[in-house]
Amino acid sequence: MSRIPLIDPNTATAQRKALLTDIHGAFGATPNMFKVVANSPAALASMWGSFGALGGGVIPAKLGELIAVAVANRNACEYCLAAHTALGRKAGSTSADMVAAQVGHSDDPKTQAALTFALRVVEGRGQLQAGDVEELRAAGYSDEEVVEILAHVALNLFTNYVNVAFDVPVDFPGVKLR
């Protein structure tokens, strides 16, 4: 049971309803996480806007989902782990890719660099060494991509914290934390 009520899109205020309608259109359903965040239209607009902006960025969806899975697993967020595993599969990742990403691993060196960086950001609470950014550049990432990788981490921290702190019921197929 969620610690914060799930907003029913059918009885929501006009502002909440408009955002939840957009979300429903994108997913074909309205995930519980968004129903909880809808308690604050400002927070919902921020979260949904961030998903949209990063979805149109230079980082491919597949990499974004691999980062999300690594961050979710590190933060023990079962909701995000389940959601992003499903979304990662839709973005072209294999089951093996998703399982490996949970522990910050990839057989692809460039993806490995991104996952290592993402988890360093999480573990260090943003405190990085100059060499951490240089490692991403050496792996072939532009400064635009480096900033987007950090933005993906930040968005996933927001969603992880919402789901863990508010005990949001998982409405995606469950995935075991590693």
N, C-alpha and C. Protein backbone atom coordinates (compact mmCIF):
# COMPACT_ATOMS: atom_id res chain seq x y z
N MET A 1 0.84 -1.19 0.00
CA MET A 1 0.00 0.00 0.00
C MET A 1 0.88 1.25 0.00
N SER A 2 0.66 2.11 -0.93
CA SER A 2 1.44 3.33 -1.05
C SER A 2 1.24 4.24 0.16
N ARG A 3 2.31 4.90 0.58
CA ARG A 3 2.24 5.84 1.70
C ARG A 3 1.61 7.17 1.28
N ILE A 4 1.52 7.37 -0.01
CA ILE A 4 0.89 8.57 -0.58
C ILE A 4 -0.19 8.06 -1.52
N PRO A 5 -1.39 8.65 -1.49
CA PRO A 5 -2.46 8.12 -2.33
C PRO A 5 -2.16 8.19 -3.83
N LEU A 6 -2.69 7.21 -4.54
CA LEU A 6 -2.62 7.19 -6.00
C LEU A 6 -3.78 8.04 -6.51
N ILE A 7 -3.47 9.03 -7.32
CA ILE A 7 -4.50 9.90 -7.88
C ILE A 7 -5.22 9.16 -9.00
N ASP A 8 -6.52 9.13 -8.93
CA ASP A 8 -7.34 8.50 -9.98
C ASP A 8 -7.45 9.49 -11.14
N PRO A 9 -6.94 9.13 -12.31
CA PRO A 9 -7.00 10.04 -13.45
C PRO A 9 -8.43 10.47 -13.80
N ASN A 10 -9.40 9.62 -13.51
CA ASN A 10 -10.79 9.94 -13.85
C ASN A 10 -11.39 11.03 -12.98
N THR A 11 -10.84 11.22 -11.78
CA THR A 11 -11.39 12.23 -10.87
C THR A 11 -10.38 13.34 -10.58
N ALA A 12 -9.29 13.36 -11.30
CA ALA A 12 -8.22 14.34 -11.06
C ALA A 12 -8.62 15.73 -11.53
N THR A 13 -7.94 16.72 -10.98
CA THR A 13 -8.14 18.09 -11.43
C THR A 13 -7.71 18.19 -12.89
N ALA A 14 -8.09 19.25 -13.55
CA ALA A 14 -7.81 19.41 -14.98
C ALA A 14 -6.31 19.33 -15.28
N GLN A 15 -5.48 20.00 -14.48
CA GLN A 15 -4.04 19.99 -14.73
C GLN A 15 -3.47 18.59 -14.56
N ARG A 16 -3.86 17.92 -13.48
CA ARG A 16 -3.38 16.55 -13.25
C ARG A 16 -3.88 15.62 -14.36
N LYS A 17 -5.14 15.76 -14.69
CA LYS A 17 -5.75 14.89 -15.71
C LYS A 17 -5.04 15.03 -17.06
N ALA A 18 -4.70 16.26 -17.44
CA ALA A 18 -4.03 16.48 -18.72
C ALA A 18 -2.68 15.75 -18.76
N LEU A 19 -1.91 15.88 -17.69
CA LEU A 19 -0.61 15.20 -17.63
C LEU A 19 -0.79 13.68 -17.61
N LEU A 20 -1.71 13.20 -16.79
CA LEU A 20 -1.93 11.75 -16.69
C LEU A 20 -2.46 11.18 -18.00
N THR A 21 -3.22 11.96 -18.74
CA THR A 21 -3.69 11.52 -20.06
C THR A 21 -2.53 11.36 -21.02
N ASP A 22 -1.60 12.30 -21.00
CA ASP A 22 -0.39 12.18 -21.84
C ASP A 22 0.42 10.94 -21.46
N ILE A 23 0.56 10.71 -20.18
CA ILE A 23 1.32 9.56 -19.69
C ILE A 23 0.63 8.27 -20.11
N HIS A 24 -0.67 8.23 -19.95
CA HIS A 24 -1.44 7.03 -20.36
C HIS A 24 -1.26 6.78 -21.85
N GLY A 25 -1.27 7.84 -22.63
CA GLY A 25 -1.08 7.69 -24.08
C GLY A 25 0.29 7.11 -24.43
N ALA A 26 1.30 7.46 -23.66
CA ALA A 26 2.65 6.96 -23.93
C ALA A 26 2.83 5.51 -23.52
N PHE A 27 2.19 5.11 -22.44
CA PHE A 27 2.38 3.76 -21.89
C PHE A 27 1.24 2.80 -22.22
N GLY A 28 0.09 3.34 -22.61
CA GLY A 28 -1.09 2.49 -22.79
C GLY A 28 -1.76 2.17 -21.47
N ALA A 29 -1.26 2.74 -20.41
CA ALA A 29 -1.79 2.61 -19.04
C ALA A 29 -1.17 3.77 -18.26
N THR A 30 -1.64 3.97 -17.05
CA THR A 30 -1.05 5.00 -16.21
C THR A 30 -0.33 4.32 -15.06
N PRO A 31 1.00 4.21 -15.14
CA PRO A 31 1.75 3.55 -14.07
C PRO A 31 1.53 4.20 -12.70
N ASN A 32 1.54 3.36 -11.68
CA ASN A 32 1.30 3.83 -10.31
C ASN A 32 2.24 4.94 -9.88
N MET A 33 3.49 4.90 -10.31
CA MET A 33 4.44 5.94 -9.92
C MET A 33 3.91 7.32 -10.30
N PHE A 34 3.38 7.45 -11.50
CA PHE A 34 2.87 8.75 -11.94
C PHE A 34 1.61 9.13 -11.17
N LYS A 35 0.80 8.16 -10.80
CA LYS A 35 -0.39 8.44 -9.99
C LYS A 35 -0.01 8.99 -8.63
N VAL A 36 1.08 8.51 -8.06
CA VAL A 36 1.55 9.03 -6.77
C VAL A 36 2.12 10.43 -6.95
N VAL A 37 2.96 10.60 -7.94
CA VAL A 37 3.58 11.91 -8.16
C VAL A 37 2.53 12.96 -8.53
N ALA A 38 1.40 12.53 -9.07
CA ALA A 38 0.32 13.46 -9.44
C ALA A 38 -0.26 14.19 -8.24
N ASN A 39 0.09 13.78 -7.03
CA ASN A 39 -0.32 14.55 -5.85
C ASN A 39 0.23 15.97 -5.93
N SER A 40 1.33 16.14 -6.64
CA SER A 40 1.90 17.47 -6.89
C SER A 40 1.98 17.67 -8.40
N PRO A 41 1.09 18.49 -8.96
CA PRO A 41 1.17 18.74 -10.39
C PRO A 41 2.54 19.28 -10.83
N ALA A 42 3.18 20.08 -9.98
CA ALA A 42 4.51 20.62 -10.32
C ALA A 42 5.53 19.48 -10.41
N ALA A 43 5.51 18.57 -9.46
CA ALA A 43 6.45 17.44 -9.48
C ALA A 43 6.16 16.54 -10.68
N LEU A 44 4.89 16.31 -10.98
CA LEU A 44 4.52 15.47 -12.12
C LEU A 44 4.96 16.12 -13.43
N ALA A 45 4.74 17.41 -13.57
CA ALA A 45 5.18 18.11 -14.79
C ALA A 45 6.70 18.06 -14.93
N SER A 46 7.40 18.20 -13.81
CA SER A 46 8.86 18.12 -13.84
C SER A 46 9.33 16.74 -14.26
N MET A 47 8.78 15.71 -13.64
CA MET A 47 9.19 14.35 -13.95
C MET A 47 8.86 13.99 -15.39
N TRP A 48 7.63 14.24 -15.81
CA TRP A 48 7.21 13.89 -17.17
C TRP A 48 7.99 14.69 -18.20
N GLY A 49 8.21 15.96 -17.91
CA GLY A 49 9.00 16.79 -18.82
C GLY A 49 10.43 16.28 -18.96
N SER A 50 10.99 15.82 -17.86
CA SER A 50 12.35 15.27 -17.91
C SER A 50 12.41 13.99 -18.74
N PHE A 51 11.42 13.12 -18.57
CA PHE A 51 11.37 11.91 -19.40
C PHE A 51 11.29 12.29 -20.88
N GLY A 52 10.45 13.26 -21.20
CA GLY A 52 10.30 13.67 -22.59
C GLY A 52 11.56 14.30 -23.15
N ALA A 53 12.17 15.17 -22.36
CA ALA A 53 13.38 15.85 -22.83
C ALA A 53 14.52 14.85 -23.06
N LEU A 54 14.73 13.95 -22.11
CA LEU A 54 15.81 12.98 -22.26
C LEU A 54 15.50 11.95 -23.34
N GLY A 55 14.22 11.66 -23.53
CA GLY A 55 13.83 10.75 -24.61
C GLY A 55 14.18 11.32 -25.98
N GLY A 56 14.28 12.63 -26.08
CA GLY A 56 14.65 13.28 -27.33
C GLY A 56 16.12 13.67 -27.39
N GLY A 57 16.89 13.21 -26.43
CA GLY A 57 18.30 13.56 -26.37
C GLY A 57 19.16 12.69 -27.27
N VAL A 58 20.47 12.82 -27.09
CA VAL A 58 21.42 12.09 -27.94
C VAL A 58 21.74 10.69 -27.41
N ILE A 59 21.46 10.45 -26.16
CA ILE A 59 21.70 9.12 -25.59
C ILE A 59 20.61 8.18 -26.10
N PRO A 60 20.96 7.06 -26.72
CA PRO A 60 19.93 6.12 -27.20
C PRO A 60 19.08 5.57 -26.05
N ALA A 61 17.83 5.27 -26.36
CA ALA A 61 16.90 4.76 -25.35
C ALA A 61 17.46 3.51 -24.67
N LYS A 62 18.09 2.65 -25.43
CA LYS A 62 18.64 1.42 -24.86
C LYS A 62 19.64 1.74 -23.76
N LEU A 63 20.57 2.67 -23.99
CA LEU A 63 21.54 3.03 -22.98
C LEU A 63 20.86 3.68 -21.78
N GLY A 64 19.89 4.53 -22.05
CA GLY A 64 19.16 5.16 -20.95
C GLY A 64 18.51 4.13 -20.04
N GLU A 65 17.96 3.07 -20.62
CA GLU A 65 17.31 2.03 -19.83
C GLU A 65 18.34 1.19 -19.07
N LEU A 66 19.49 0.94 -19.67
CA LEU A 66 20.55 0.21 -18.97
C LEU A 66 21.04 1.00 -17.76
N ILE A 67 21.19 2.31 -17.92
CA ILE A 67 21.57 3.17 -16.80
C ILE A 67 20.49 3.12 -15.73
N ALA A 68 19.24 3.21 -16.14
CA ALA A 68 18.13 3.20 -15.18
C ALA A 68 18.11 1.91 -14.37
N VAL A 69 18.37 0.79 -15.01
CA VAL A 69 18.38 -0.50 -14.32
C VAL A 69 19.53 -0.56 -13.32
N ALA A 70 20.70 -0.09 -13.71
CA ALA A 70 21.85 -0.09 -12.80
C ALA A 70 21.58 0.78 -11.58
N VAL A 71 21.03 1.97 -11.80
CA VAL A 71 20.74 2.88 -10.70
C VAL A 71 19.63 2.31 -9.82
N ALA A 72 18.60 1.75 -10.41
CA ALA A 72 17.50 1.17 -9.63
C ALA A 72 17.99 0.03 -8.76
N ASN A 73 18.81 -0.83 -9.32
CA ASN A 73 19.31 -1.96 -8.54
C ASN A 73 20.17 -1.46 -7.38
N ARG A 74 21.02 -0.46 -7.65
CA ARG A 74 21.90 0.08 -6.60
C ARG A 74 21.09 0.70 -5.47
N ASN A 75 19.94 1.30 -5.83
CA ASN A 75 19.09 1.95 -4.82
C ASN A 75 17.99 1.03 -4.29
N ALA A 76 18.04 -0.24 -4.68
CA ALA A 76 17.03 -1.23 -4.24
C ALA A 76 15.61 -0.76 -4.54
N CYS A 77 15.44 -0.18 -5.73
CA CYS A 77 14.12 0.28 -6.16
C CYS A 77 13.49 -0.79 -7.05
N GLU A 78 12.67 -1.64 -6.46
CA GLU A 78 12.03 -2.71 -7.20
C GLU A 78 11.11 -2.18 -8.30
N TYR A 79 10.45 -1.06 -8.03
CA TYR A 79 9.54 -0.49 -9.02
C TYR A 79 10.30 -0.10 -10.28
N CYS A 80 11.34 0.70 -10.13
CA CYS A 80 12.08 1.16 -11.30
C CYS A 80 12.82 0.03 -11.98
N LEU A 81 13.30 -0.93 -11.21
CA LEU A 81 13.96 -2.08 -11.80
C LEU A 81 12.99 -2.82 -12.71
N ALA A 82 11.78 -3.04 -12.24
CA ALA A 82 10.77 -3.74 -13.05
C ALA A 82 10.39 -2.91 -14.27
N ALA A 83 10.11 -1.64 -14.07
CA ALA A 83 9.67 -0.78 -15.17
C ALA A 83 10.75 -0.65 -16.24
N HIS A 84 11.98 -0.36 -15.83
CA HIS A 84 13.04 -0.12 -16.81
C HIS A 84 13.56 -1.40 -17.44
N THR A 85 13.38 -2.53 -16.78
CA THR A 85 13.70 -3.79 -17.44
C THR A 85 12.73 -4.02 -18.59
N ALA A 86 11.45 -3.78 -18.35
CA ALA A 86 10.45 -3.92 -19.42
C ALA A 86 10.72 -2.92 -20.54
N LEU A 87 11.00 -1.67 -20.18
CA LEU A 87 11.26 -0.64 -21.19
C LEU A 87 12.57 -0.92 -21.94
N GLY A 88 13.56 -1.44 -21.24
CA GLY A 88 14.83 -1.79 -21.88
C GLY A 88 14.67 -2.89 -22.92
N ARG A 89 13.82 -3.85 -22.60
CA ARG A 89 13.55 -4.92 -23.57
C ARG A 89 12.88 -4.33 -24.82
N LYS A 90 11.97 -3.38 -24.62
CA LYS A 90 11.32 -2.72 -25.76
C LYS A 90 12.31 -1.89 -26.56
N ALA A 91 13.36 -1.40 -25.90
CA ALA A 91 14.37 -0.57 -26.57
C ALA A 91 15.45 -1.41 -27.25
N GLY A 92 15.35 -2.74 -27.15
CA GLY A 92 16.29 -3.59 -27.87
C GLY A 92 17.31 -4.34 -27.04
N SER A 93 17.26 -4.20 -25.73
CA SER A 93 18.19 -4.95 -24.88
C SER A 93 17.73 -6.38 -24.72
N THR A 94 18.66 -7.28 -24.57
CA THR A 94 18.32 -8.67 -24.27
C THR A 94 18.12 -8.82 -22.76
N SER A 95 17.55 -9.94 -22.37
CA SER A 95 17.42 -10.22 -20.94
C SER A 95 18.78 -10.25 -20.28
N ALA A 96 19.76 -10.85 -20.96
CA ALA A 96 21.12 -10.92 -20.41
C ALA A 96 21.72 -9.53 -20.24
N ASP A 97 21.47 -8.62 -21.19
CA ASP A 97 21.94 -7.24 -21.08
C ASP A 97 21.38 -6.58 -19.81
N MET A 98 20.09 -6.80 -19.57
CA MET A 98 19.42 -6.16 -18.45
C MET A 98 19.93 -6.71 -17.12
N VAL A 99 20.13 -8.02 -17.05
CA VAL A 99 20.65 -8.64 -15.82
C VAL A 99 22.06 -8.13 -15.54
N ALA A 100 22.89 -8.07 -16.56
CA ALA A 100 24.26 -7.58 -16.39
C ALA A 100 24.26 -6.11 -15.95
N ALA A 101 23.38 -5.31 -16.54
CA ALA A 101 23.32 -3.89 -16.20
C ALA A 101 22.94 -3.67 -14.74
N GLN A 102 22.15 -4.57 -14.19
CA GLN A 102 21.77 -4.44 -12.79
C GLN A 102 22.99 -4.31 -11.89
N VAL A 103 24.04 -5.01 -12.21
CA VAL A 103 25.25 -4.95 -11.40
C VAL A 103 26.31 -4.06 -12.04
N GLY A 104 25.89 -3.25 -13.00
CA GLY A 104 26.80 -2.28 -13.61
C GLY A 104 27.76 -2.87 -14.61
N HIS A 105 27.35 -3.93 -15.29
CA HIS A 105 28.24 -4.59 -16.24
C HIS A 105 27.65 -4.61 -17.65
N SER A 106 28.53 -4.48 -18.63
CA SER A 106 28.19 -4.64 -20.03
C SER A 106 29.40 -5.20 -20.76
N ASP A 107 29.15 -6.07 -21.74
CA ASP A 107 30.24 -6.58 -22.56
C ASP A 107 30.75 -5.54 -23.56
N ASP A 108 29.95 -4.51 -23.81
CA ASP A 108 30.35 -3.44 -24.71
C ASP A 108 31.15 -2.40 -23.91
N PRO A 109 32.41 -2.14 -24.28
CA PRO A 109 33.25 -1.23 -23.50
C PRO A 109 32.67 0.18 -23.34
N LYS A 110 32.04 0.69 -24.38
CA LYS A 110 31.48 2.04 -24.28
C LYS A 110 30.31 2.07 -23.29
N THR A 111 29.44 1.08 -23.38
CA THR A 111 28.33 0.99 -22.43
C THR A 111 28.86 0.78 -21.02
N GLN A 112 29.88 -0.05 -20.89
CA GLN A 112 30.49 -0.29 -19.57
C GLN A 112 30.98 1.02 -18.95
N ALA A 113 31.59 1.86 -19.75
CA ALA A 113 32.08 3.15 -19.24
C ALA A 113 30.92 3.99 -18.71
N ALA A 114 29.80 4.00 -19.43
CA ALA A 114 28.64 4.79 -19.00
C ALA A 114 28.06 4.23 -17.70
N LEU A 115 27.96 2.91 -17.60
CA LEU A 115 27.42 2.30 -16.38
C LEU A 115 28.34 2.54 -15.19
N THR A 116 29.64 2.43 -15.41
CA THR A 116 30.61 2.69 -14.33
C THR A 116 30.47 4.12 -13.85
N PHE A 117 30.39 5.05 -14.79
CA PHE A 117 30.23 6.47 -14.44
C PHE A 117 28.94 6.69 -13.67
N ALA A 118 27.85 6.14 -14.17
CA ALA A 118 26.55 6.33 -13.52
C ALA A 118 26.58 5.85 -12.07
N LEU A 119 27.14 4.69 -11.86
CA LEU A 119 27.18 4.16 -10.49
C LEU A 119 28.15 4.93 -9.60
N ARG A 120 29.21 5.48 -10.17
CA ARG A 120 30.10 6.34 -9.39
C ARG A 120 29.36 7.59 -8.93
N VAL A 121 28.52 8.14 -9.81
CA VAL A 121 27.73 9.31 -9.44
C VAL A 121 26.81 8.96 -8.27
N VAL A 122 26.13 7.82 -8.37
CA VAL A 122 25.21 7.40 -7.31
C VAL A 122 25.97 7.17 -6.01
N GLU A 123 27.00 6.36 -6.07
CA GLU A 123 27.75 5.99 -4.87
C GLU A 123 28.44 7.18 -4.23
N GLY A 124 28.94 8.09 -5.04
CA GLY A 124 29.65 9.26 -4.53
C GLY A 124 28.75 10.45 -4.28
N ARG A 125 27.45 10.27 -4.49
CA ARG A 125 26.48 11.36 -4.32
C ARG A 125 26.90 12.59 -5.13
N GLY A 126 27.36 12.30 -6.34
CA GLY A 126 27.75 13.37 -7.25
C GLY A 126 29.19 13.81 -7.13
N GLN A 127 29.88 13.37 -6.10
CA GLN A 127 31.28 13.74 -5.90
C GLN A 127 32.14 12.88 -6.82
N LEU A 128 32.64 13.46 -7.88
CA LEU A 128 33.44 12.74 -8.86
C LEU A 128 34.87 13.26 -8.87
N GLN A 129 35.72 12.48 -9.46
CA GLN A 129 37.10 12.89 -9.72
C GLN A 129 37.17 13.35 -11.19
N ALA A 130 38.13 14.19 -11.50
CA ALA A 130 38.29 14.66 -12.88
C ALA A 130 38.46 13.48 -13.83
N GLY A 131 39.13 12.46 -13.39
CA GLY A 131 39.37 11.28 -14.23
C GLY A 131 38.10 10.54 -14.60
N ASP A 132 37.05 10.68 -13.79
CA ASP A 132 35.79 9.98 -14.09
C ASP A 132 35.18 10.50 -15.39
N VAL A 133 35.21 11.79 -15.58
CA VAL A 133 34.70 12.39 -16.82
C VAL A 133 35.64 12.05 -17.98
N GLU A 134 36.92 12.09 -17.72
CA GLU A 134 37.89 11.77 -18.77
C GLU A 134 37.74 10.33 -19.26
N GLU A 135 37.39 9.41 -18.37
CA GLU A 135 37.17 8.02 -18.78
C GLU A 135 36.01 7.92 -19.76
N LEU A 136 34.95 8.70 -19.53
CA LEU A 136 33.83 8.69 -20.47
C LEU A 136 34.24 9.26 -21.81
N ARG A 137 34.98 10.34 -21.80
CA ARG A 137 35.46 10.92 -23.06
C ARG A 137 36.35 9.93 -23.80
N ALA A 138 37.22 9.25 -23.07
CA ALA A 138 38.12 8.27 -23.69
C ALA A 138 37.35 7.10 -24.28
N ALA A 139 36.18 6.81 -23.73
CA ALA A 139 35.34 5.73 -24.25
C ALA A 139 34.57 6.16 -25.50
N GLY A 140 34.64 7.45 -25.82
CA GLY A 140 34.00 7.93 -27.04
C GLY A 140 32.78 8.81 -26.83
N TYR A 141 32.53 9.23 -25.61
CA TYR A 141 31.37 10.08 -25.34
C TYR A 141 31.74 11.56 -25.47
N SER A 142 30.84 12.32 -26.10
CA SER A 142 30.99 13.77 -26.21
C SER A 142 30.57 14.41 -24.88
N ASP A 143 30.88 15.67 -24.72
CA ASP A 143 30.45 16.37 -23.52
C ASP A 143 28.93 16.42 -23.43
N GLU A 144 28.25 16.54 -24.56
CA GLU A 144 26.79 16.51 -24.55
C GLU A 144 26.29 15.18 -23.99
N GLU A 145 26.89 14.09 -24.42
CA GLU A 145 26.48 12.77 -23.93
C GLU A 145 26.82 12.60 -22.45
N VAL A 146 27.96 13.13 -22.02
CA VAL A 146 28.34 13.03 -20.61
C VAL A 146 27.29 13.72 -19.74
N VAL A 147 26.89 14.91 -20.14
CA VAL A 147 25.88 15.64 -19.37
C VAL A 147 24.55 14.89 -19.38
N GLU A 148 24.18 14.32 -20.51
CA GLU A 148 22.93 13.55 -20.56
C GLU A 148 22.98 12.29 -19.70
N ILE A 149 24.13 11.64 -19.67
CA ILE A 149 24.25 10.47 -18.79
C ILE A 149 23.99 10.90 -17.35
N LEU A 150 24.58 12.01 -16.94
CA LEU A 150 24.33 12.52 -15.59
C LEU A 150 22.86 12.87 -15.40
N ALA A 151 22.24 13.45 -16.41
CA ALA A 151 20.81 13.79 -16.31
C ALA A 151 19.96 12.53 -16.15
N HIS A 152 20.31 11.46 -16.85
CA HIS A 152 19.59 10.19 -16.69
C HIS A 152 19.74 9.68 -15.26
N VAL A 153 20.94 9.77 -14.71
CA VAL A 153 21.15 9.35 -13.32
C VAL A 153 20.27 10.18 -12.39
N ALA A 154 20.27 11.48 -12.56
CA ALA A 154 19.49 12.36 -11.69
C ALA A 154 18.00 12.07 -11.77
N LEU A 155 17.48 11.88 -12.97
CA LEU A 155 16.06 11.56 -13.12
C LEU A 155 15.75 10.23 -12.44
N ASN A 156 16.63 9.26 -12.60
CA ASN A 156 16.39 7.96 -11.98
C ASN A 156 16.51 8.02 -10.47
N LEU A 157 17.35 8.88 -9.94
CA LEU A 157 17.37 9.06 -8.49
C LEU A 157 16.03 9.60 -8.01
N PHE A 158 15.47 10.55 -8.73
CA PHE A 158 14.15 11.11 -8.39
C PHE A 158 13.10 10.00 -8.38
N THR A 159 13.05 9.22 -9.45
CA THR A 159 12.02 8.18 -9.52
C THR A 159 12.27 7.08 -8.50
N ASN A 160 13.53 6.70 -8.28
CA ASN A 160 13.83 5.70 -7.26
C ASN A 160 13.37 6.17 -5.90
N TYR A 161 13.67 7.39 -5.56
CA TYR A 161 13.32 7.91 -4.24
C TYR A 161 11.81 7.98 -4.07
N VAL A 162 11.10 8.38 -5.10
CA VAL A 162 9.63 8.40 -5.02
C VAL A 162 9.10 7.00 -4.71
N ASN A 163 9.56 6.04 -5.48
CA ASN A 163 9.02 4.69 -5.35
C ASN A 163 9.42 3.99 -4.05
N VAL A 164 10.65 4.20 -3.61
CA VAL A 164 11.10 3.57 -2.37
C VAL A 164 10.48 4.29 -1.16
N ALA A 165 10.56 5.60 -1.12
CA ALA A 165 10.07 6.36 0.03
C ALA A 165 8.57 6.21 0.21
N PHE A 166 7.83 6.17 -0.89
CA PHE A 166 6.37 6.12 -0.80
C PHE A 166 5.82 4.71 -0.95
N ASP A 167 6.70 3.71 -1.11
CA ASP A 167 6.30 2.31 -1.21
C ASP A 167 5.22 2.12 -2.29
N VAL A 168 5.53 2.63 -3.47
CA VAL A 168 4.59 2.57 -4.59
C VAL A 168 4.43 1.12 -5.06
N PRO A 169 3.20 0.63 -5.18
CA PRO A 169 2.98 -0.74 -5.64
C PRO A 169 3.48 -0.93 -7.08
N VAL A 170 4.26 -1.99 -7.27
CA VAL A 170 4.83 -2.30 -8.58
C VAL A 170 3.72 -2.82 -9.49
N ASP A 171 3.58 -2.21 -10.65
CA ASP A 171 2.57 -2.63 -11.63
C ASP A 171 3.20 -3.01 -12.97
N PHE A 172 4.43 -3.48 -12.91
CA PHE A 172 5.15 -4.05 -14.05
C PHE A 172 5.57 -5.46 -13.61
N PRO A 173 5.90 -6.35 -14.55
CA PRO A 173 6.39 -7.68 -14.15
C PRO A 173 7.62 -7.56 -13.25
N GLY A 174 7.59 -8.22 -12.11
CA GLY A 174 8.65 -8.12 -11.12
C GLY A 174 9.99 -8.62 -11.63
N VAL A 175 11.07 -8.01 -11.11
CA VAL A 175 12.44 -8.40 -11.42
C VAL A 175 13.18 -8.47 -10.09
N LYS A 176 13.97 -9.52 -9.93
CA LYS A 176 14.71 -9.73 -8.69
C LYS A 176 15.90 -8.78 -8.60
N LEU A 177 16.02 -8.11 -7.45
CA LEU A 177 17.20 -7.26 -7.19
C LEU A 177 18.43 -8.15 -7.12
N ARG A 178 19.58 -7.61 -7.51
CA ARG A 178 20.85 -8.36 -7.43
C ARG A 178 21.80 -7.65 -6.52
